[in-house]
Amino acid sequence: MPKPLADKIRPKTLDDVVGQKHILGENGALRKIIQSGKIPNMIFYGASGVGKTTVARIIAENTNLKMCKLNGTSASVSDIKDVIAETETIDGFNGVLLYLDEIQYLNKKQQQSLLEHIENGRITLIASTTENPYFYVFNAILSRSTVFEFKPIEPEDIEPAIRRAFQIVADEQNLKLKIGNGVVEHIAKGCGGDVRKSINTVELCAVTAENDGESLVVTLDNVKQLVQRSNMRYDRDGDQHYDLLSALQKSIRGSDENAAIHYAARLLESGDMLSLCRRLLVIASEDIGLAYPQAIVITKACVDSALQLGLPEARIPLAEAVILLATAPKSNSAYMAIANATADIQAGITGTFPRCLQNMHYDGDDVKNKGQNYLYPHDFPNHYVKQQYLPDELKDRSYYEFGDNKTEQASKAYWDKIKK
């Protein structure tokens, strides 16, 4: 079976690894650990194609440990037991380095089966995951491991790998290489920080490129057909989904309409219009709230229009809602009021209803204070009369504070005048 180009070009030393300078640079913590030869249990966290497997292989090749590899998508308890059995063999006498890819797919029992052997040092675990390990890896494994985050590779760092890959392909076919202007840059930008994706694109370019018997000619038009959309690293059930929604809401909350429209466009390009609609409705109440009460009405109208129109036209009313919310005055007073009230309820601080609020029209012989004594506000000037509404245990509690925006301050001024 032909060896994939991505494997042919895979780095053999840390200096050849693309990107990850924050952990593999001259003073990077991971580089120092590897150079020390004292390899701890580690979890590599990051998106696909950013070097996790490559670094694990380099570590294994520079230790005297027998390397075993499992993938969490297919590994069973039996497979894990086979790895444990290797620690009793001559090859595994010094210990086994287990590279466990996609550890998040192992269940609790499977992960726990490794604990004893990680504890006694017979197995050194290097696990990788594309999901946040603090959510998907069990605490017992986490507490015995050091987590290193691998970040997406910048396009300029990927370009040398792309050029090297093209040259390998040309050399294998004994052809001269002719790369058009902008080819390498387009591939680097279109792979979304995934080196493996960029090398796979090179392989496809080589198959579809012009070949006149002497030269391999790769044109920009050829590449554009293969890299039609940028890899935005979006998974509706994973970290990228929640990171993107978080970035959208924080940009709107921070009144940065340009950043907000950018993240909205990314959601729409991924086809996830529903998540955008739901989040905009939340933002209208949570972050704009009473500073501009009409925001929720307008946002709802925009969302309804988008759902009726469908994509691509749905982009227009949703863009209107995003920009409206980002540029609107902000207030979280309603959000804080319900959060504070909920905190009391969850703490068990509720109390009984004040007598004047109870739905009672008849007092039995056991009631000492006869009469409900409810004061009907509409019978009083300005439709207001002072009386107790909160339970006795909470009668002095204040949950809502008027925001400092024009709308809420006008309301505050009105009630200050009435209630004084």
Protein backbone atom coordinates (compact mmCIF):
# COMPACT_ATOMS: atom_id res chain seq x y z
CA MET A 1 0.00 0.00 0.00
CA PRO A 2 1.47 3.41 -0.98
CA LYS A 3 2.58 5.49 1.96
CA PRO A 4 0.57 8.74 2.37
CA LEU A 5 2.50 11.92 1.64
CA ALA A 6 1.70 13.22 5.15
CA ASP A 7 3.66 10.26 6.59
CA LYS A 8 6.57 10.74 4.21
CA ILE A 9 6.98 14.34 5.27
CA ARG A 10 6.40 13.74 9.00
CA PRO A 11 9.14 15.45 11.08
CA LYS A 12 11.81 13.26 12.71
CA THR A 13 13.09 15.81 15.26
CA LEU A 14 11.57 18.55 17.39
CA ASP A 15 13.30 21.19 15.26
CA ASP A 16 11.37 19.97 12.23
CA VAL A 17 7.97 20.25 13.91
CA VAL A 18 5.86 23.03 12.43
CA GLY A 19 4.55 25.58 14.93
CA GLN A 20 3.98 24.96 18.67
CA LYS A 21 6.84 27.28 19.62
CA HIS A 22 5.08 28.08 22.90
CA ILE A 23 5.83 24.56 24.15
CA LEU A 24 8.54 23.31 21.77
CA GLY A 25 10.60 26.48 21.31
CA GLU A 26 14.07 26.87 22.78
CA ASN A 27 12.67 27.58 26.25
CA GLY A 28 9.46 25.60 25.85
CA ALA A 29 8.46 23.42 28.78
CA LEU A 30 7.65 20.36 26.67
CA ARG A 31 10.99 20.54 24.83
CA LYS A 32 12.87 20.65 28.15
CA ILE A 33 10.90 17.68 29.47
CA ILE A 34 11.66 15.64 26.33
CA GLN A 35 15.33 16.55 26.42
CA SER A 36 15.56 15.52 30.07
CA GLY A 37 14.57 11.96 29.17
CA LYS A 38 12.23 11.84 32.17
CA ILE A 39 8.90 11.52 30.45
CA PRO A 40 5.80 12.02 32.65
CA ASN A 41 2.25 11.07 31.80
CA MET A 42 0.97 13.72 29.41
CA ILE A 43 -2.20 14.72 27.61
CA PHE A 44 -1.87 16.57 24.30
CA TYR A 45 -4.93 18.72 23.62
CA GLY A 46 -5.58 20.39 20.28
CA ALA A 47 -7.27 20.21 16.91
CA SER A 48 -6.42 17.63 14.26
CA GLY A 49 -3.25 18.00 12.22
CA VAL A 50 -1.29 20.23 14.61
CA GLY A 51 1.49 17.79 15.57
CA LYS A 52 0.24 15.79 18.55
CA THR A 53 0.97 12.36 17.06
CA THR A 54 4.24 13.55 15.54
CA VAL A 55 5.58 14.79 18.87
CA ALA A 56 4.48 11.57 20.60
CA ARG A 57 6.44 9.52 18.04
CA ILE A 58 9.53 11.67 18.48
CA ILE A 59 9.30 11.16 22.25
CA ALA A 60 8.96 7.39 21.84
CA GLU A 61 11.95 7.17 19.49
CA ASN A 62 14.14 9.01 21.99
CA THR A 63 13.36 6.82 24.98
CA ASN A 64 14.22 3.21 25.81
CA LEU A 65 10.54 2.43 26.30
CA LYS A 66 8.58 0.08 24.10
CA MET A 67 5.93 2.06 22.25
CA CYS A 68 2.34 0.86 21.89
CA LYS A 69 -0.39 2.78 20.13
CA LEU A 70 -4.15 2.63 20.60
CA ASN A 71 -7.00 4.72 19.24
CA GLY A 72 -9.89 5.50 21.57
CA THR A 73 -12.43 5.12 18.78
CA SER A 74 -11.71 1.40 18.42
CA ALA A 75 -9.78 0.29 21.53
CA SER A 76 -11.40 -2.18 23.92
CA VAL A 77 -10.55 -3.29 27.45
CA SER A 78 -8.97 -6.35 25.86
CA ASP A 79 -6.65 -4.11 23.81
CA ILE A 80 -5.64 -2.26 26.96
CA LYS A 81 -4.94 -5.57 28.72
CA ASP A 82 -2.68 -6.56 25.82
CA VAL A 83 -0.69 -3.36 26.35
CA ILE A 84 -0.45 -4.08 30.08
CA ALA A 85 0.79 -7.59 29.26
CA GLU A 86 3.65 -6.04 27.26
CA THR A 87 5.10 -4.71 30.54
CA GLU A 88 5.86 -8.33 31.51
CA THR A 89 7.85 -9.06 28.34
CA ILE A 90 11.57 -8.57 27.74
CA ASP A 91 10.91 -5.68 25.34
CA GLY A 92 8.71 -3.97 27.89
CA PHE A 93 10.92 -4.64 30.90
CA ASN A 94 11.92 -0.95 31.13
CA GLY A 95 8.30 0.08 30.77
CA VAL A 96 5.85 0.80 27.99
CA LEU A 97 5.05 4.14 26.43
CA LEU A 98 1.39 4.06 25.42
CA TYR A 99 0.26 6.62 22.88
CA LEU A 100 -3.52 6.75 23.23
CA ASP A 101 -5.10 8.80 20.47
CA GLU A 102 -8.62 10.25 20.95
CA ILE A 103 -8.75 9.29 24.64
CA GLN A 104 -12.10 11.07 25.01
CA TYR A 105 -13.80 8.09 23.36
CA LEU A 106 -12.77 5.67 26.12
CA ASN A 107 -15.35 5.14 28.84
CA LYS A 108 -14.63 5.44 32.55
CA LYS A 109 -13.95 1.72 33.03
CA GLN A 110 -11.46 1.66 30.15
CA GLN A 111 -9.60 4.69 31.45
CA GLN A 112 -9.56 3.35 35.01
CA SER A 113 -8.00 0.07 33.84
CA LEU A 114 -4.81 2.03 33.18
CA LEU A 115 -4.56 3.73 36.56
CA GLU A 116 -2.68 1.08 38.54
CA HIS A 117 -0.01 0.73 35.86
CA ILE A 118 0.35 4.48 35.45
CA GLU A 119 0.78 4.73 39.22
CA ASN A 120 3.60 2.15 39.42
CA GLY A 121 5.35 3.54 36.33
CA ARG A 122 5.04 0.43 34.19
CA ILE A 123 3.09 2.46 31.65
CA THR A 124 3.88 6.02 30.63
CA LEU A 125 0.78 7.48 29.06
CA ILE A 126 0.78 10.06 26.29
CA ALA A 127 -2.84 10.67 25.36
CA SER A 128 -4.20 13.05 22.76
CA THR A 129 -7.63 14.56 22.38
CA THR A 130 -9.34 17.08 20.15
CA GLU A 131 -11.76 17.94 22.96
CA ASN A 132 -11.16 19.83 26.19
CA PRO A 133 -9.59 17.19 28.48
CA TYR A 134 -11.05 18.82 31.59
CA PHE A 135 -14.49 17.91 30.26
CA TYR A 136 -13.81 14.55 28.60
CA VAL A 137 -10.97 12.88 30.53
CA PHE A 138 -11.69 11.47 33.99
CA ASN A 139 -10.16 13.24 36.97
CA ALA A 140 -8.13 10.23 38.07
CA ILE A 141 -6.23 10.31 34.76
CA LEU A 142 -5.99 14.11 34.72
CA SER A 143 -4.53 14.27 38.23
CA ARG A 144 -1.69 11.99 37.14
CA SER A 145 -0.96 13.81 33.89
CA THR A 146 0.36 17.12 32.58
CA VAL A 147 -1.77 18.79 29.93
CA PHE A 148 -0.16 20.55 26.95
CA GLU A 149 -2.27 22.51 24.48
CA PHE A 150 -1.33 22.31 20.80
CA LYS A 151 -2.51 25.37 18.88
CA PRO A 152 -3.58 25.71 15.21
CA ILE A 153 -0.60 26.43 12.95
CA GLU A 154 -0.25 29.87 11.40
CA PRO A 155 -0.33 29.91 7.57
CA GLU A 156 3.21 31.30 7.27
CA ASP A 157 4.52 28.40 9.38
CA ILE A 158 2.78 25.85 7.14
CA GLU A 159 4.14 27.22 3.86
CA PRO A 160 7.64 25.59 4.12
CA ALA A 161 6.01 22.18 4.73
CA ILE A 162 3.80 22.66 1.66
CA ARG A 163 6.78 23.54 -0.53
CA ARG A 164 8.70 20.54 0.78
CA ALA A 165 5.73 18.28 0.07
CA PHE A 166 5.45 19.52 -3.52
CA GLN A 167 9.16 18.91 -4.03
CA ILE A 168 8.91 15.34 -2.73
CA VAL A 169 6.08 14.62 -5.17
CA ALA A 170 8.02 16.07 -8.10
CA ASP A 171 11.21 14.19 -7.16
CA GLU A 172 9.33 10.89 -6.94
CA GLN A 173 8.07 11.40 -10.51
CA ASN A 174 11.44 12.71 -11.76
CA LEU A 175 9.78 15.93 -12.85
CA LYS A 176 10.64 19.58 -12.54
CA LEU A 177 8.31 21.55 -10.30
CA LYS A 178 6.49 24.67 -11.44
CA ILE A 179 4.25 26.26 -8.81
CA GLY A 180 2.09 29.21 -9.80
CA ASN A 181 1.94 32.46 -7.84
CA GLY A 182 -0.27 32.28 -4.78
CA VAL A 183 -0.59 28.47 -4.79
CA VAL A 184 1.29 27.81 -1.57
CA GLU A 185 -0.29 30.75 0.22
CA HIS A 186 -3.80 29.70 -0.81
CA ILE A 187 -3.32 26.16 0.50
CA ALA A 188 -1.80 27.42 3.76
CA LYS A 189 -4.69 29.78 4.41
CA GLY A 190 -7.33 27.28 3.36
CA CYS A 191 -6.28 24.46 5.65
CA GLY A 192 -7.39 26.19 8.86
CA GLY A 193 -4.13 25.54 10.74
CA ASP A 194 -4.18 21.80 9.94
CA VAL A 195 -0.84 20.69 8.51
CA ARG A 196 -2.13 17.25 7.56
CA LYS A 197 -4.97 18.81 5.57
CA SER A 198 -2.51 21.02 3.70
CA ILE A 199 -0.29 18.04 2.78
CA ASN A 200 -3.32 16.03 1.65
CA THR A 201 -4.25 18.98 -0.57
CA VAL A 202 -0.76 18.93 -2.07
CA GLU A 203 -1.23 15.24 -2.86
CA LEU A 204 -4.52 15.99 -4.64
CA CYS A 205 -2.93 18.90 -6.51
CA ALA A 206 -0.23 16.56 -7.79
CA VAL A 207 -2.87 14.18 -9.13
CA THR A 208 -4.80 16.89 -10.96
CA ALA A 209 -1.84 19.08 -12.03
CA GLU A 210 -0.67 19.46 -15.61
CA ASN A 211 2.12 17.03 -16.51
CA ASP A 212 3.90 17.55 -19.82
CA GLY A 213 6.40 14.77 -19.24
CA GLU A 214 9.08 17.14 -18.00
CA SER A 215 7.39 19.38 -15.44
CA LEU A 216 4.66 19.21 -12.83
CA VAL A 217 2.71 22.43 -13.25
CA VAL A 218 0.45 23.50 -10.36
CA THR A 219 -1.74 26.53 -11.01
CA LEU A 220 -3.78 28.68 -8.66
CA ASP A 221 -6.99 27.82 -10.54
CA ASN A 222 -6.26 24.14 -9.99
CA VAL A 223 -5.79 24.70 -6.25
CA LYS A 224 -8.93 26.83 -5.88
CA GLN A 225 -11.04 23.96 -7.17
CA LEU A 226 -9.62 21.69 -4.46
CA VAL A 227 -9.66 24.22 -1.61
CA GLN A 228 -13.11 25.72 -2.13
CA ARG A 229 -13.76 26.50 1.52
CA SER A 230 -11.50 27.30 4.40
CA ASN A 231 -11.38 24.70 7.14
CA MET A 232 -13.00 26.62 9.99
CA ARG A 233 -12.56 23.81 12.52
CA TYR A 234 -16.19 23.68 13.52
CA ASP A 235 -17.85 20.80 15.32
CA ARG A 236 -21.43 21.34 16.49
CA ASP A 237 -20.95 19.04 19.47
CA GLY A 238 -17.41 20.04 20.42
CA ASP A 239 -15.36 22.86 21.89
CA GLN A 240 -15.27 24.85 18.65
CA HIS A 241 -19.06 25.14 18.71
CA TYR A 242 -19.12 26.64 22.20
CA ASP A 243 -16.00 28.74 21.64
CA LEU A 244 -17.59 30.29 18.57
CA LEU A 245 -20.87 31.06 20.32
CA SER A 246 -18.95 32.44 23.30
CA ALA A 247 -16.88 34.67 21.03
CA LEU A 248 -20.06 35.94 19.35
CA GLN A 249 -21.78 36.82 22.63
CA LYS A 250 -18.72 38.42 24.19
CA SER A 251 -18.16 40.52 21.07
CA ILE A 252 -21.76 41.78 21.16
CA ARG A 253 -21.53 42.37 24.92
CA GLY A 254 -18.31 44.31 24.28
CA SER A 255 -20.07 46.40 21.58
CA ASP A 256 -17.65 45.32 18.83
CA GLU A 257 -19.97 45.02 15.85
CA ASN A 258 -17.18 43.99 13.46
CA ALA A 259 -16.05 41.04 15.56
CA ALA A 260 -19.68 40.07 16.18
CA ILE A 261 -20.55 39.99 12.48
CA HIS A 262 -17.39 37.96 11.81
CA TYR A 263 -18.36 35.21 14.24
CA ALA A 264 -21.95 35.28 13.00
CA ALA A 265 -20.67 34.78 9.44
CA ARG A 266 -18.60 31.79 10.59
CA LEU A 267 -21.67 30.19 12.14
CA LEU A 268 -23.69 30.77 8.99
CA GLU A 269 -20.93 29.46 6.72
CA SER A 270 -20.89 26.28 8.76
CA GLY A 271 -24.64 25.96 8.19
CA ASP A 272 -25.48 26.33 11.90
CA MET A 273 -28.15 29.01 11.63
CA LEU A 274 -30.26 27.68 14.52
CA SER A 275 -27.50 28.10 17.09
CA LEU A 276 -27.03 31.68 15.95
CA CYS A 277 -30.77 32.39 16.21
CA ARG A 278 -31.01 30.96 19.72
CA ARG A 279 -27.96 32.80 20.96
CA LEU A 280 -29.14 36.15 19.57
CA LEU A 281 -32.44 35.80 21.45
CA VAL A 282 -30.52 35.11 24.67
CA ILE A 283 -28.20 38.08 24.13
CA ALA A 284 -31.10 40.46 23.54
CA SER A 285 -32.38 39.80 27.06
CA GLU A 286 -29.15 39.04 28.91
CA ASP A 287 -26.85 41.79 27.63
CA ILE A 288 -29.09 44.53 26.20
CA GLY A 289 -32.12 43.93 28.38
CA LEU A 290 -33.88 46.92 29.87
CA ALA A 291 -31.46 49.43 28.37
CA TYR A 292 -33.35 48.89 25.10
CA PRO A 293 -36.40 46.67 25.75
CA GLN A 294 -37.39 46.70 22.07
CA ALA A 295 -34.20 44.77 21.22
CA ILE A 296 -35.82 41.43 22.00
CA VAL A 297 -38.83 42.30 19.83
CA ILE A 298 -36.68 43.31 16.87
CA THR A 299 -34.38 40.32 17.30
CA LYS A 300 -37.35 37.96 17.40
CA ALA A 301 -38.65 39.51 14.17
CA CYS A 302 -35.25 39.08 12.52
CA VAL A 303 -35.00 35.47 13.67
CA ASP A 304 -38.52 34.69 12.42
CA SER A 305 -37.69 36.25 9.06
CA ALA A 306 -34.48 34.23 8.81
CA LEU A 307 -36.25 30.96 9.60
CA GLN A 308 -38.88 31.68 6.94
CA LEU A 309 -36.35 32.77 4.33
CA GLY A 310 -33.70 30.13 4.87
CA LEU A 311 -30.10 30.50 3.74
CA PRO A 312 -28.57 32.35 2.00
CA GLU A 313 -31.13 35.20 2.32
CA ALA A 314 -31.44 34.54 6.08
CA ARG A 315 -28.02 36.13 6.50
CA ILE A 316 -29.49 39.59 5.99
CA PRO A 317 -32.01 39.82 8.87
CA LEU A 318 -29.59 37.97 11.15
CA ALA A 319 -26.83 40.44 10.30
CA GLU A 320 -29.29 43.22 11.14
CA ALA A 321 -29.95 41.65 14.55
CA VAL A 322 -26.24 41.15 15.26
CA ILE A 323 -25.34 44.75 14.45
CA LEU A 324 -28.35 46.12 16.32
CA LEU A 325 -27.43 44.20 19.47
CA ALA A 326 -23.74 45.08 19.24
CA THR A 327 -24.42 48.80 18.85
CA ALA A 328 -27.31 48.99 21.35
CA PRO A 329 -26.87 50.28 24.93
CA LYS A 330 -26.16 47.47 27.37
CA SER A 331 -27.71 46.38 30.66
CA ASN A 332 -27.59 43.08 32.54
CA SER A 333 -29.85 44.31 35.36
CA ALA A 334 -32.66 41.86 34.57
CA TYR A 335 -30.20 38.98 34.29
CA MET A 336 -28.64 39.84 37.65
CA ALA A 337 -32.05 40.28 39.32
CA ILE A 338 -33.26 36.79 38.39
CA ALA A 339 -29.84 35.31 39.20
CA ASN A 340 -29.89 36.85 42.68
CA ALA A 341 -33.46 35.74 43.35
CA THR A 342 -32.66 32.21 42.14
CA ALA A 343 -29.65 32.07 44.45
CA ASP A 344 -31.89 32.69 47.47
CA ILE A 345 -34.38 30.06 46.36
CA GLN A 346 -31.65 27.47 45.76
CA ALA A 347 -30.28 28.25 49.22
CA GLY A 348 -33.68 27.45 50.70
CA ILE A 349 -34.50 31.07 51.63
CA THR A 350 -38.15 31.41 50.65
CA GLY A 351 -40.47 31.96 53.61
CA THR A 352 -44.25 32.08 53.67
CA PHE A 353 -46.44 34.48 51.71
CA PRO A 354 -47.29 37.76 53.46
CA ARG A 355 -50.81 37.70 54.87
CA CYS A 356 -51.96 40.45 52.52
CA LEU A 357 -51.00 38.42 49.44
CA GLN A 358 -52.64 35.14 50.36
CA ASN A 359 -55.63 34.02 48.33
CA MET A 360 -57.98 33.84 51.35
CA HIS A 361 -61.48 35.26 51.74
CA TYR A 362 -62.46 33.54 54.98
CA ASP A 363 -60.61 33.36 58.28
CA GLY A 364 -61.16 30.29 60.44
CA ASP A 365 -61.32 30.25 64.21
CA ASP A 366 -57.61 29.32 64.34
CA VAL A 367 -56.53 32.62 62.73
CA LYS A 368 -55.64 35.21 65.36
CA ASN A 369 -55.36 38.24 63.03
CA LYS A 370 -58.63 38.39 61.13
CA GLY A 371 -58.76 39.92 57.67
CA GLN A 372 -56.41 39.78 54.72
CA ASN A 373 -55.73 43.54 54.85
CA TYR A 374 -54.65 43.72 51.22
CA LEU A 375 -54.37 47.28 49.87
CA TYR A 376 -55.50 47.58 46.24
CA PRO A 377 -52.94 49.89 44.52
CA HIS A 378 -55.44 51.20 41.96
CA ASP A 379 -57.43 52.77 44.79
CA PHE A 380 -54.52 55.08 45.66
CA PRO A 381 -52.89 58.09 43.97
CA ASN A 382 -50.51 57.14 41.13
CA HIS A 383 -51.76 53.55 41.51
CA TYR A 384 -49.25 52.88 44.26
CA VAL A 385 -49.39 52.17 47.99
CA LYS A 386 -46.61 50.90 50.20
CA GLN A 387 -47.09 47.41 51.64
CA GLN A 388 -45.03 44.27 52.14
CA TYR A 389 -44.84 41.85 49.23
CA LEU A 390 -41.77 39.73 50.01
CA PRO A 391 -41.89 37.02 52.70
CA ASP A 392 -40.82 38.12 56.19
CA GLU A 393 -37.46 36.36 55.82
CA LEU A 394 -36.70 38.41 52.71
CA LYS A 395 -38.62 41.60 53.29
CA ASP A 396 -35.53 43.83 53.07
CA ARG A 397 -33.94 42.02 50.14
CA SER A 398 -33.22 43.99 46.94
CA TYR A 399 -32.61 41.92 43.82
CA TYR A 400 -32.91 44.49 41.07
CA GLU A 401 -30.73 47.57 40.68
CA PHE A 402 -31.52 50.11 37.98
CA GLY A 403 -28.92 50.22 35.24
CA ASP A 404 -27.12 53.45 34.41
CA ASN A 405 -28.67 53.71 30.94
CA LYS A 406 -31.22 56.31 29.87
CA THR A 407 -34.23 53.99 29.84
CA GLU A 408 -33.74 52.50 33.30
CA GLN A 409 -32.71 55.80 34.85
CA ALA A 410 -35.95 57.36 33.58
CA SER A 411 -37.89 54.54 35.23
CA LYS A 412 -35.90 55.01 38.44
CA ALA A 413 -36.61 58.74 38.49
CA TYR A 414 -40.34 58.09 38.07
CA TRP A 415 -40.55 55.61 40.94
CA ASP A 416 -38.26 57.62 43.21
CA LYS A 417 -40.72 60.48 42.86
CA ILE A 418 -43.77 58.25 43.50
CA LYS A 419 -42.35 56.20 46.37
CA LYS A 420 -40.61 58.95 48.32
